[in-house]
Amino acid sequence: MAQVDRDLSRQVAQMVGMDPELQSVAEAIATDARANYAGHGNAASSIHVTSEVYDGVREPLVVFDHPASTFLEYGHMAVNPHTGEPTGRWVPGIHGMENAARANGAGRQT
């Protein structure tokens, strides 16, 4: 009877997390996302690649840490700049991070 190490999935994740190709994909996503937000004030400068460690596995992480990142990405209700009241007009999101991830292979089945 075959036996599988209970820790196998974490060991494989550690190997993949250290792979330079994974870092390269994260950098490509960040570059494309910056291009998607280039015409939107200083939003593009708020996109960077860092790393995260979870359960001993280090992986690259693309971060969009602009104060209005959620509103820029997914959309928001417009606000009158003079009164601060909602205008009732929906401003569509840019989906710059989502589109950058898709353009670089996120969501594909291998």
C-alpha atoms as a PDB file:
ATOM      1  CA  MET A   1       0.000   0.000   0.000  1.00  0.00           C
ATOM      2  CA  ALA A   2       1.357   3.439  -0.955  1.00  0.00           C
ATOM      3  CA  GLN A   3       1.913   6.067   1.686  1.00  0.00           C
ATOM      4  CA  VAL A   4       1.915   9.824   1.126  1.00  0.00           C
ATOM      5  CA  ASP A   5       3.684  12.184   3.486  1.00  0.00           C
ATOM      6  CA  ARG A   6       1.089  14.337   5.275  1.00  0.00           C
ATOM      7  CA  ASP A   7       3.355  17.347   4.762  1.00  0.00           C
ATOM      8  CA  LEU A   8       3.707  16.811   0.995  1.00  0.00           C
ATOM      9  CA  SER A   9       1.453  19.669  -0.124  1.00  0.00           C
ATOM     10  CA  ARG A  10       3.359  22.197   2.007  1.00  0.00           C
ATOM     11  CA  GLN A  11       6.693  20.885   0.727  1.00  0.00           C
ATOM     12  CA  VAL A  12       5.527  21.280  -2.884  1.00  0.00           C
ATOM     13  CA  ALA A  13       4.162  24.765  -2.138  1.00  0.00           C
ATOM     14  CA  GLN A  14       7.541  25.755  -0.683  1.00  0.00           C
ATOM     15  CA  MET A  15       9.308  24.599  -3.840  1.00  0.00           C
ATOM     16  CA  VAL A  16       6.896  26.472  -6.114  1.00  0.00           C
ATOM     17  CA  GLY A  17       6.885  29.594  -3.936  1.00  0.00           C
ATOM     18  CA  MET A  18      10.659  29.962  -4.321  1.00  0.00           C
ATOM     19  CA  ASP A  19      10.518  29.495  -8.107  1.00  0.00           C
ATOM     20  CA  PRO A  20      11.894  32.565  -9.973  1.00  0.00           C
ATOM     21  CA  GLU A  21       9.269  32.025 -12.674  1.00  0.00           C
ATOM     22  CA  LEU A  22       6.512  32.720 -10.143  1.00  0.00           C
ATOM     23  CA  GLN A  23       8.276  35.967  -9.183  1.00  0.00           C
ATOM     24  CA  SER A  24       8.523  36.832 -12.881  1.00  0.00           C
ATOM     25  CA  VAL A  25       4.772  36.359 -13.362  1.00  0.00           C
ATOM     26  CA  ALA A  26       4.051  38.566 -10.339  1.00  0.00           C
ATOM     27  CA  GLU A  27       6.301  41.290 -11.793  1.00  0.00           C
ATOM     28  CA  ALA A  28       4.522  41.018 -15.175  1.00  0.00           C
ATOM     29  CA  ILE A  29       1.121  41.352 -13.489  1.00  0.00           C
ATOM     30  CA  ALA A  30       2.316  44.430 -11.584  1.00  0.00           C
ATOM     31  CA  THR A  31       3.727  45.994 -14.765  1.00  0.00           C
ATOM     32  CA  ASP A  32       0.479  45.437 -16.679  1.00  0.00           C
ATOM     33  CA  ALA A  33      -1.611  46.701 -13.752  1.00  0.00           C
ATOM     34  CA  ARG A  34       0.487  49.883 -13.559  1.00  0.00           C
ATOM     35  CA  ALA A  35      -0.142  50.427 -17.279  1.00  0.00           C
ATOM     36  CA  ASN A  36      -3.889  49.920 -16.724  1.00  0.00           C
ATOM     37  CA  TYR A  37      -3.899  52.636 -14.045  1.00  0.00           C
ATOM     38  CA  ALA A  38      -1.450  55.001 -15.760  1.00  0.00           C
ATOM     39  CA  GLY A  39      -4.080  57.646 -16.537  1.00  0.00           C
ATOM     40  CA  HIS A  40      -5.621  57.689 -13.073  1.00  0.00           C
ATOM     41  CA  GLY A  41      -3.589  60.054 -10.918  1.00  0.00           C
ATOM     42  CA  ASN A  42      -1.025  58.406  -8.672  1.00  0.00           C
ATOM     43  CA  ALA A  43      -2.779  55.012  -8.597  1.00  0.00           C
ATOM     44  CA  ALA A  44      -0.126  53.281 -10.724  1.00  0.00           C
ATOM     45  CA  SER A  45       2.610  54.144  -8.220  1.00  0.00           C
ATOM     46  CA  SER A  46       0.642  52.265  -5.534  1.00  0.00           C
ATOM     47  CA  ILE A  47       1.097  48.874  -7.233  1.00  0.00           C
ATOM     48  CA  HIS A  48       4.101  46.807  -6.184  1.00  0.00           C
ATOM     49  CA  VAL A  49       5.283  43.247  -5.638  1.00  0.00           C
ATOM     50  CA  THR A  50       6.115  42.014  -2.171  1.00  0.00           C
ATOM     51  CA  SER A  51       6.178  38.562  -0.624  1.00  0.00           C
ATOM     52  CA  GLU A  52       3.989  36.868   1.922  1.00  0.00           C
ATOM     53  CA  VAL A  53       4.805  33.935   4.159  1.00  0.00           C
ATOM     54  CA  TYR A  54       2.000  31.624   5.185  1.00  0.00           C
ATOM     55  CA  ASP A  55       2.609  28.353   6.970  1.00  0.00           C
ATOM     56  CA  GLY A  56       6.273  28.468   6.021  1.00  0.00           C
ATOM     57  CA  VAL A  57       5.571  29.068   2.323  1.00  0.00           C
ATOM     58  CA  ARG A  58       6.911  32.295   0.797  1.00  0.00           C
ATOM     59  CA  GLU A  59       5.086  33.521  -2.296  1.00  0.00           C
ATOM     60  CA  PRO A  60       5.160  36.758  -4.274  1.00  0.00           C
ATOM     61  CA  LEU A  61       2.154  39.011  -3.814  1.00  0.00           C
ATOM     62  CA  VAL A  62       1.019  41.860  -6.084  1.00  0.00           C
ATOM     63  CA  VAL A  63      -0.329  44.667  -3.895  1.00  0.00           C
ATOM     64  CA  PHE A  64      -2.455  47.696  -4.815  1.00  0.00           C
ATOM     65  CA  ASP A  65      -2.340  49.858  -1.699  1.00  0.00           C
ATOM     66  CA  HIS A  66      -3.858  53.107  -2.952  1.00  0.00           C
ATOM     67  CA  PRO A  67      -6.389  54.520  -0.445  1.00  0.00           C
ATOM     68  CA  ALA A  68      -9.148  54.267  -3.071  1.00  0.00           C
ATOM     69  CA  SER A  69      -7.998  50.968  -4.609  1.00  0.00           C
ATOM     70  CA  THR A  70     -11.306  49.158  -4.045  1.00  0.00           C
ATOM     71  CA  PHE A  71     -13.295  51.995  -5.614  1.00  0.00           C
ATOM     72  CA  LEU A  72     -10.912  52.254  -8.577  1.00  0.00           C
ATOM     73  CA  GLU A  73     -10.889  48.512  -9.210  1.00  0.00           C
ATOM     74  CA  TYR A  74     -14.595  47.717  -8.780  1.00  0.00           C
ATOM     75  CA  GLY A  75     -16.398  51.028  -9.244  1.00  0.00           C
ATOM     76  CA  HIS A  76     -18.256  53.413  -6.974  1.00  0.00           C
ATOM     77  CA  MET A  77     -21.135  55.847  -6.725  1.00  0.00           C
ATOM     78  CA  ALA A  78     -20.085  59.329  -7.840  1.00  0.00           C
ATOM     79  CA  VAL A  79     -20.018  62.030  -5.171  1.00  0.00           C
ATOM     80  CA  ASN A  80     -20.605  65.751  -5.616  1.00  0.00           C
ATOM     81  CA  PRO A  81     -17.223  67.327  -4.772  1.00  0.00           C
ATOM     82  CA  HIS A  82     -18.901  70.412  -3.254  1.00  0.00           C
ATOM     83  CA  THR A  83     -21.435  68.741  -0.986  1.00  0.00           C
ATOM     84  CA  GLY A  84     -20.042  65.237  -0.539  1.00  0.00           C
ATOM     85  CA  GLU A  85     -23.475  63.829  -1.356  1.00  0.00           C
ATOM     86  CA  PRO A  86     -23.894  60.864  -3.753  1.00  0.00           C
ATOM     87  CA  THR A  87     -25.057  61.930  -7.215  1.00  0.00           C
ATOM     88  CA  GLY A  88     -26.739  58.650  -8.104  1.00  0.00           C
ATOM     89  CA  ARG A  89     -24.347  58.107 -11.017  1.00  0.00           C
ATOM     90  CA  TRP A  90     -22.334  54.885 -11.055  1.00  0.00           C
ATOM     91  CA  VAL A  91     -18.659  55.154 -12.009  1.00  0.00           C
ATOM     92  CA  PRO A  92     -17.548  51.793 -13.456  1.00  0.00           C
ATOM     93  CA  GLY A  93     -14.442  50.136 -12.098  1.00  0.00           C
ATOM     94  CA  ILE A  94     -11.245  49.904 -14.103  1.00  0.00           C
ATOM     95  CA  HIS A  95     -10.554  46.245 -13.184  1.00  0.00           C
ATOM     96  CA  GLY A  96      -6.870  46.954 -13.813  1.00  0.00           C
ATOM     97  CA  MET A  97      -5.536  44.344 -11.388  1.00  0.00           C
ATOM     98  CA  GLU A  98      -8.036  41.708 -12.499  1.00  0.00           C
ATOM     99  CA  ASN A  99      -7.312  42.265 -16.190  1.00  0.00           C
ATOM    100  CA  ALA A 100      -3.547  42.225 -15.588  1.00  0.00           C
ATOM    101  CA  ALA A 101      -3.827  38.909 -13.755  1.00  0.00           C
ATOM    102  CA  ARG A 102      -5.957  37.410 -16.541  1.00  0.00           C
ATOM    103  CA  ALA A 103      -3.551  38.640 -19.207  1.00  0.00           C
ATOM    104  CA  ASN A 104      -0.748  36.812 -17.424  1.00  0.00           C
ATOM    105  CA  GLY A 105      -2.477  33.469 -17.055  1.00  0.00           C
ATOM    106  CA  ALA A 106      -4.574  33.747 -13.904  1.00  0.00           C
ATOM    107  CA  GLY A 107      -7.693  31.643 -14.116  1.00  0.00           C
ATOM    108  CA  ARG A 108      -6.382  29.275 -16.785  1.00  0.00           C
ATOM    109  CA  GLN A 109      -6.590  25.571 -16.160  1.00  0.00           C
ATOM    110  CA  THR A 110      -3.414  23.656 -16.920  1.00  0.00           C
END
